[in-house]
Amino acid sequence: MQNTLHKSTLENGLQIYLKEIHTAPIVSLWLWYDIGARNEVPGKTGLSHWVEHMQFKGTANTTGQEMDHAIARVGGYWNAFTSQDWTTYLETLPANHLELALKIEADRMQNSLFDPDEVEMERTVIYPNAKAQKTTRFSCSAKPLKPSLFKPTPLSQRSTWVSGRYRKSHPR
């Protein structure tokens, strides 16, 4: 097996990395966007994480449920995560369905809907996520250090909302 990473850059600046591993007939597509909590301003933290969640709600062309069923129907998996430095979207599915993942990503990154009802519903999802993050072992040990290590940069902020910040950033 060749252990080579291929890299190319498109005219629009999009960087593509390809690593072939032929031990299983699957493909795993990961899109890394250079935006996370470090790009947010005080009082409007958690927006990157909120947008990540909204990307699963559907587009002008396809509902979120239709996208989810399309991935599941071929035995695939999709997810996303937001950190201080980036937001990542991923699909892992049989290799002969790579085009499905590419179409879903292209559609949702260009045509996502931010339906007011879905926006409201995400309030109940993001806040428990933020509370859960506060109780992890890493979070408990890192929390006291972050403000002193990263202040006055946005890296001192959390990547998810707390209740008051969410309501202030997105009034009803």
C-alpha atoms as a PDB file:
ATOM      1  CA  MET A   1       0.000   0.000   0.000  1.00  0.00           C
ATOM      2  CA  GLN A   2       1.308   3.405  -0.965  1.00  0.00           C
ATOM      3  CA  ASN A   3       1.354   5.909   1.893  1.00  0.00           C
ATOM      4  CA  THR A   4       1.104   9.112  -0.145  1.00  0.00           C
ATOM      5  CA  LEU A   5      -0.933  12.226   0.468  1.00  0.00           C
ATOM      6  CA  HIS A   6      -1.850  14.084  -2.715  1.00  0.00           C
ATOM      7  CA  LYS A   7      -2.540  17.809  -2.449  1.00  0.00           C
ATOM      8  CA  SER A   8      -3.880  20.208  -5.051  1.00  0.00           C
ATOM      9  CA  THR A   9      -5.356  23.689  -4.976  1.00  0.00           C
ATOM     10  CA  LEU A  10      -8.170  24.811  -7.263  1.00  0.00           C
ATOM     11  CA  GLU A  11      -8.270  28.274  -8.878  1.00  0.00           C
ATOM     12  CA  ASN A  12     -10.771  29.428  -6.233  1.00  0.00           C
ATOM     13  CA  GLY A  13      -8.327  28.540  -3.437  1.00  0.00           C
ATOM     14  CA  LEU A  14     -10.043  25.317  -2.352  1.00  0.00           C
ATOM     15  CA  GLN A  15      -7.408  22.888  -1.148  1.00  0.00           C
ATOM     16  CA  ILE A  16      -7.931  19.194  -1.821  1.00  0.00           C
ATOM     17  CA  TYR A  17      -6.077  16.454   0.008  1.00  0.00           C
ATOM     18  CA  LEU A  18      -6.436  12.861  -1.155  1.00  0.00           C
ATOM     19  CA  LYS A  19      -5.153   9.847   0.725  1.00  0.00           C
ATOM     20  CA  GLU A  20      -5.895   6.507  -0.847  1.00  0.00           C
ATOM     21  CA  ILE A  21      -6.251   3.527   1.449  1.00  0.00           C
ATOM     22  CA  HIS A  22      -7.481   0.427  -0.329  1.00  0.00           C
ATOM     23  CA  THR A  23      -8.202  -1.792   2.682  1.00  0.00           C
ATOM     24  CA  ALA A  24     -11.977  -1.220   2.490  1.00  0.00           C
ATOM     25  CA  PRO A  25     -14.341  -0.167  -0.324  1.00  0.00           C
ATOM     26  CA  ILE A  26     -15.352   3.100   1.361  1.00  0.00           C
ATOM     27  CA  VAL A  27     -14.710   6.792   0.957  1.00  0.00           C
ATOM     28  CA  SER A  28     -14.626   9.351   3.726  1.00  0.00           C
ATOM     29  CA  LEU A  29     -15.154  12.946   2.654  1.00  0.00           C
ATOM     30  CA  TRP A  30     -14.216  15.628   5.183  1.00  0.00           C
ATOM     31  CA  LEU A  31     -14.699  19.339   4.538  1.00  0.00           C
ATOM     32  CA  TRP A  32     -12.795  21.626   6.906  1.00  0.00           C
ATOM     33  CA  TYR A  33     -13.853  25.274   6.982  1.00  0.00           C
ATOM     34  CA  ASP A  34     -11.424  27.721   8.512  1.00  0.00           C
ATOM     35  CA  ILE A  35     -13.991  29.203  10.868  1.00  0.00           C
ATOM     36  CA  GLY A  36     -14.716  28.463  14.499  1.00  0.00           C
ATOM     37  CA  ALA A  37     -15.045  30.122  17.882  1.00  0.00           C
ATOM     38  CA  ARG A  38     -11.861  32.166  17.350  1.00  0.00           C
ATOM     39  CA  ASN A  39     -13.688  34.106  14.604  1.00  0.00           C
ATOM     40  CA  GLU A  40     -16.545  35.164  16.878  1.00  0.00           C
ATOM     41  CA  VAL A  41     -16.980  38.329  18.877  1.00  0.00           C
ATOM     42  CA  PRO A  42     -17.970  38.616  22.545  1.00  0.00           C
ATOM     43  CA  GLY A  43     -21.733  38.556  22.944  1.00  0.00           C
ATOM     44  CA  LYS A  44     -22.203  36.545  19.762  1.00  0.00           C
ATOM     45  CA  THR A  45     -20.342  33.370  20.605  1.00  0.00           C
ATOM     46  CA  GLY A  46     -21.553  30.021  19.363  1.00  0.00           C
ATOM     47  CA  LEU A  47     -22.607  31.200  15.919  1.00  0.00           C
ATOM     48  CA  SER A  48     -20.243  28.779  14.159  1.00  0.00           C
ATOM     49  CA  HIS A  49     -21.698  25.867  16.106  1.00  0.00           C
ATOM     50  CA  TRP A  50     -25.244  27.059  15.417  1.00  0.00           C
ATOM     51  CA  VAL A  51     -24.582  27.334  11.655  1.00  0.00           C
ATOM     52  CA  GLU A  52     -23.117  23.814  11.739  1.00  0.00           C
ATOM     53  CA  HIS A  53     -26.389  22.505  13.201  1.00  0.00           C
ATOM     54  CA  MET A  54     -28.495  24.450  10.723  1.00  0.00           C
ATOM     55  CA  GLN A  55     -26.629  22.859   7.795  1.00  0.00           C
ATOM     56  CA  PHE A  56     -28.480  19.598   8.564  1.00  0.00           C
ATOM     57  CA  LYS A  57     -31.934  21.221   8.312  1.00  0.00           C
ATOM     58  CA  GLY A  58     -32.266  21.276   4.539  1.00  0.00           C
ATOM     59  CA  THR A  59     -31.860  23.406   1.464  1.00  0.00           C
ATOM     60  CA  ALA A  60     -34.041  24.964  -1.177  1.00  0.00           C
ATOM     61  CA  ASN A  61     -33.649  21.668  -3.089  1.00  0.00           C
ATOM     62  CA  THR A  62     -33.673  18.946  -0.416  1.00  0.00           C
ATOM     63  CA  THR A  63     -34.987  18.570   3.130  1.00  0.00           C
ATOM     64  CA  GLY A  64     -32.651  17.577   5.918  1.00  0.00           C
ATOM     65  CA  GLN A  65     -34.563  14.320   6.257  1.00  0.00           C
ATOM     66  CA  GLU A  66     -34.105  13.555   2.552  1.00  0.00           C
ATOM     67  CA  MET A  67     -30.346  14.144   2.841  1.00  0.00           C
ATOM     68  CA  ASP A  68     -30.190  11.945   5.937  1.00  0.00           C
ATOM     69  CA  HIS A  69     -32.170   9.150   4.256  1.00  0.00           C
ATOM     70  CA  ALA A  70     -30.016   9.330   1.104  1.00  0.00           C
ATOM     71  CA  ILE A  71     -26.854   8.790   3.159  1.00  0.00           C
ATOM     72  CA  ALA A  72     -28.421   6.067   5.324  1.00  0.00           C
ATOM     73  CA  ARG A  73     -29.949   4.260   2.336  1.00  0.00           C
ATOM     74  CA  VAL A  74     -26.458   3.488   0.990  1.00  0.00           C
ATOM     75  CA  GLY A  75     -25.132   2.511   4.425  1.00  0.00           C
ATOM     76  CA  GLY A  76     -23.337   5.787   5.049  1.00  0.00           C
ATOM     77  CA  TYR A  77     -22.735   8.031   8.014  1.00  0.00           C
ATOM     78  CA  TRP A  78     -22.538  11.823   8.237  1.00  0.00           C
ATOM     79  CA  ASN A  79     -21.762  14.259  11.008  1.00  0.00           C
ATOM     80  CA  ALA A  80     -20.076  17.556  11.800  1.00  0.00           C
ATOM     81  CA  PHE A  81     -18.226  19.292  14.598  1.00  0.00           C
ATOM     82  CA  THR A  82     -17.098  22.793  15.510  1.00  0.00           C
ATOM     83  CA  SER A  83     -13.958  23.677  17.419  1.00  0.00           C
ATOM     84  CA  GLN A  84     -12.100  26.841  18.297  1.00  0.00           C
ATOM     85  CA  ASP A  85     -10.351  26.851  14.914  1.00  0.00           C
ATOM     86  CA  TRP A  86     -12.598  25.147  12.354  1.00  0.00           C
ATOM     87  CA  THR A  87     -15.928  23.605  11.473  1.00  0.00           C
ATOM     88  CA  THR A  88     -15.863  20.186   9.823  1.00  0.00           C
ATOM     89  CA  TYR A  89     -18.530  18.287   7.892  1.00  0.00           C
ATOM     90  CA  LEU A  90     -18.007  14.630   7.025  1.00  0.00           C
ATOM     91  CA  GLU A  91     -19.551  11.678   5.255  1.00  0.00           C
ATOM     92  CA  THR A  92     -18.321   8.095   5.185  1.00  0.00           C
ATOM     93  CA  LEU A  93     -20.055   5.803   2.711  1.00  0.00           C
ATOM     94  CA  PRO A  94     -19.409   3.116   0.095  1.00  0.00           C
ATOM     95  CA  ALA A  95     -16.821   4.356  -2.402  1.00  0.00           C
ATOM     96  CA  ASN A  96     -19.207   4.105  -5.348  1.00  0.00           C
ATOM     97  CA  HIS A  97     -21.414   6.781  -3.689  1.00  0.00           C
ATOM     98  CA  LEU A  98     -18.841   9.580  -3.420  1.00  0.00           C
ATOM     99  CA  GLU A  99     -20.881  11.674  -5.856  1.00  0.00           C
ATOM    100  CA  LEU A 100     -23.838  11.604  -3.426  1.00  0.00           C
ATOM    101  CA  ALA A 101     -21.709  13.120  -0.640  1.00  0.00           C
ATOM    102  CA  LEU A 102     -20.266  15.748  -2.982  1.00  0.00           C
ATOM    103  CA  LYS A 103     -23.750  16.744  -4.212  1.00  0.00           C
ATOM    104  CA  ILE A 104     -25.113  17.036  -0.663  1.00  0.00           C
ATOM    105  CA  GLU A 105     -22.173  19.178   0.463  1.00  0.00           C
ATOM    106  CA  ALA A 106     -22.308  21.444  -2.587  1.00  0.00           C
ATOM    107  CA  ASP A 107     -26.065  21.906  -2.160  1.00  0.00           C
ATOM    108  CA  ARG A 108     -26.092  22.637   1.542  1.00  0.00           C
ATOM    109  CA  MET A 109     -23.136  25.007   1.431  1.00  0.00           C
ATOM    110  CA  GLN A 110     -24.818  27.064  -1.299  1.00  0.00           C
ATOM    111  CA  ASN A 111     -28.543  26.694  -0.613  1.00  0.00           C
ATOM    112  CA  SER A 112     -29.104  26.093   3.108  1.00  0.00           C
ATOM    113  CA  LEU A 113     -32.347  27.340   4.557  1.00  0.00           C
ATOM    114  CA  PHE A 114     -32.570  29.044   7.913  1.00  0.00           C
ATOM    115  CA  ASP A 115     -36.255  28.446   8.528  1.00  0.00           C
ATOM    116  CA  PRO A 116     -37.466  30.456  11.558  1.00  0.00           C
ATOM    117  CA  ASP A 117     -39.127  27.378  13.096  1.00  0.00           C
ATOM    118  CA  GLU A 118     -35.911  25.369  12.751  1.00  0.00           C
ATOM    119  CA  VAL A 119     -33.896  28.267  14.165  1.00  0.00           C
ATOM    120  CA  GLU A 120     -36.148  28.293  17.219  1.00  0.00           C
ATOM    121  CA  MET A 121     -35.924  24.525  17.620  1.00  0.00           C
ATOM    122  CA  GLU A 122     -32.118  24.665  17.640  1.00  0.00           C
ATOM    123  CA  ARG A 123     -32.282  26.724  20.826  1.00  0.00           C
ATOM    124  CA  THR A 124     -33.262  23.533  22.638  1.00  0.00           C
ATOM    125  CA  VAL A 125     -30.387  21.551  21.068  1.00  0.00           C
ATOM    126  CA  ILE A 126     -27.454  23.964  21.317  1.00  0.00           C
ATOM    127  CA  TYR A 127     -27.949  24.848  24.974  1.00  0.00           C
ATOM    128  CA  PRO A 128     -27.811  21.216  26.221  1.00  0.00           C
ATOM    129  CA  ASN A 129     -24.707  20.710  24.034  1.00  0.00           C
ATOM    130  CA  ALA A 130     -23.058  23.671  25.734  1.00  0.00           C
ATOM    131  CA  LYS A 131     -23.973  22.346  29.175  1.00  0.00           C
ATOM    132  CA  ALA A 132     -22.626  18.877  28.314  1.00  0.00           C
ATOM    133  CA  GLN A 133     -19.324  20.371  27.137  1.00  0.00           C
ATOM    134  CA  LYS A 134     -18.900  22.096  30.481  1.00  0.00           C
ATOM    135  CA  THR A 135     -18.784  18.733  32.285  1.00  0.00           C
ATOM    136  CA  THR A 136     -16.148  16.839  30.300  1.00  0.00           C
ATOM    137  CA  ARG A 137     -12.865  16.092  32.021  1.00  0.00           C
ATOM    138  CA  PHE A 138     -10.907  18.184  29.528  1.00  0.00           C
ATOM    139  CA  SER A 139     -13.335  21.073  29.733  1.00  0.00           C
ATOM    140  CA  CYS A 140     -13.241  21.127  33.518  1.00  0.00           C
ATOM    141  CA  SER A 141      -9.434  21.210  33.582  1.00  0.00           C
ATOM    142  CA  ALA A 142      -8.984  23.622  30.662  1.00  0.00           C
ATOM    143  CA  LYS A 143     -11.735  26.076  31.598  1.00  0.00           C
ATOM    144  CA  PRO A 144      -9.730  27.988  34.241  1.00  0.00           C
ATOM    145  CA  LEU A 145      -6.705  28.234  31.923  1.00  0.00           C
ATOM    146  CA  LYS A 146      -8.327  29.436  28.702  1.00  0.00           C
ATOM    147  CA  PRO A 147      -9.037  33.053  29.692  1.00  0.00           C
ATOM    148  CA  SER A 148      -5.501  33.658  30.938  1.00  0.00           C
ATOM    149  CA  LEU A 149      -3.813  31.764  28.093  1.00  0.00           C
ATOM    150  CA  PHE A 150      -5.787  33.262  25.231  1.00  0.00           C
ATOM    151  CA  LYS A 151      -7.087  36.604  26.426  1.00  0.00           C
ATOM    152  CA  PRO A 152      -7.693  39.017  24.735  1.00  0.00           C
ATOM    153  CA  THR A 153      -8.150  36.797  21.657  1.00  0.00           C
ATOM    154  CA  PRO A 154     -11.404  35.061  20.676  1.00  0.00           C
ATOM    155  CA  LEU A 155      -9.755  31.724  21.564  1.00  0.00           C
ATOM    156  CA  SER A 156     -10.721  32.455  25.167  1.00  0.00           C
ATOM    157  CA  GLN A 157     -14.388  32.011  24.169  1.00  0.00           C
ATOM    158  CA  ARG A 158     -16.439  28.823  24.018  1.00  0.00           C
ATOM    159  CA  SER A 159     -17.507  27.306  20.702  1.00  0.00           C
ATOM    160  CA  THR A 160     -21.087  26.775  21.914  1.00  0.00           C
ATOM    161  CA  TRP A 161     -23.700  29.065  23.342  1.00  0.00           C
ATOM    162  CA  VAL A 162     -24.779  29.446  26.868  1.00  0.00           C
ATOM    163  CA  SER A 163     -28.408  30.330  27.395  1.00  0.00           C
ATOM    164  CA  GLY A 164     -28.140  34.097  27.759  1.00  0.00           C
ATOM    165  CA  ARG A 165     -25.708  34.540  24.884  1.00  0.00           C
ATOM    166  CA  TYR A 166     -27.895  32.495  22.572  1.00  0.00           C
ATOM    167  CA  ARG A 167     -31.000  34.474  23.375  1.00  0.00           C
ATOM    168  CA  LYS A 168     -29.110  37.753  23.006  1.00  0.00           C
ATOM    169  CA  SER A 169     -27.584  36.740  19.665  1.00  0.00           C
ATOM    170  CA  HIS A 170     -30.875  35.418  18.319  1.00  0.00           C
ATOM    171  CA  PRO A 171     -33.827  37.230  19.875  1.00  0.00           C
ATOM    172  CA  ARG A 172     -37.194  35.612  19.305  1.00  0.00           C
END
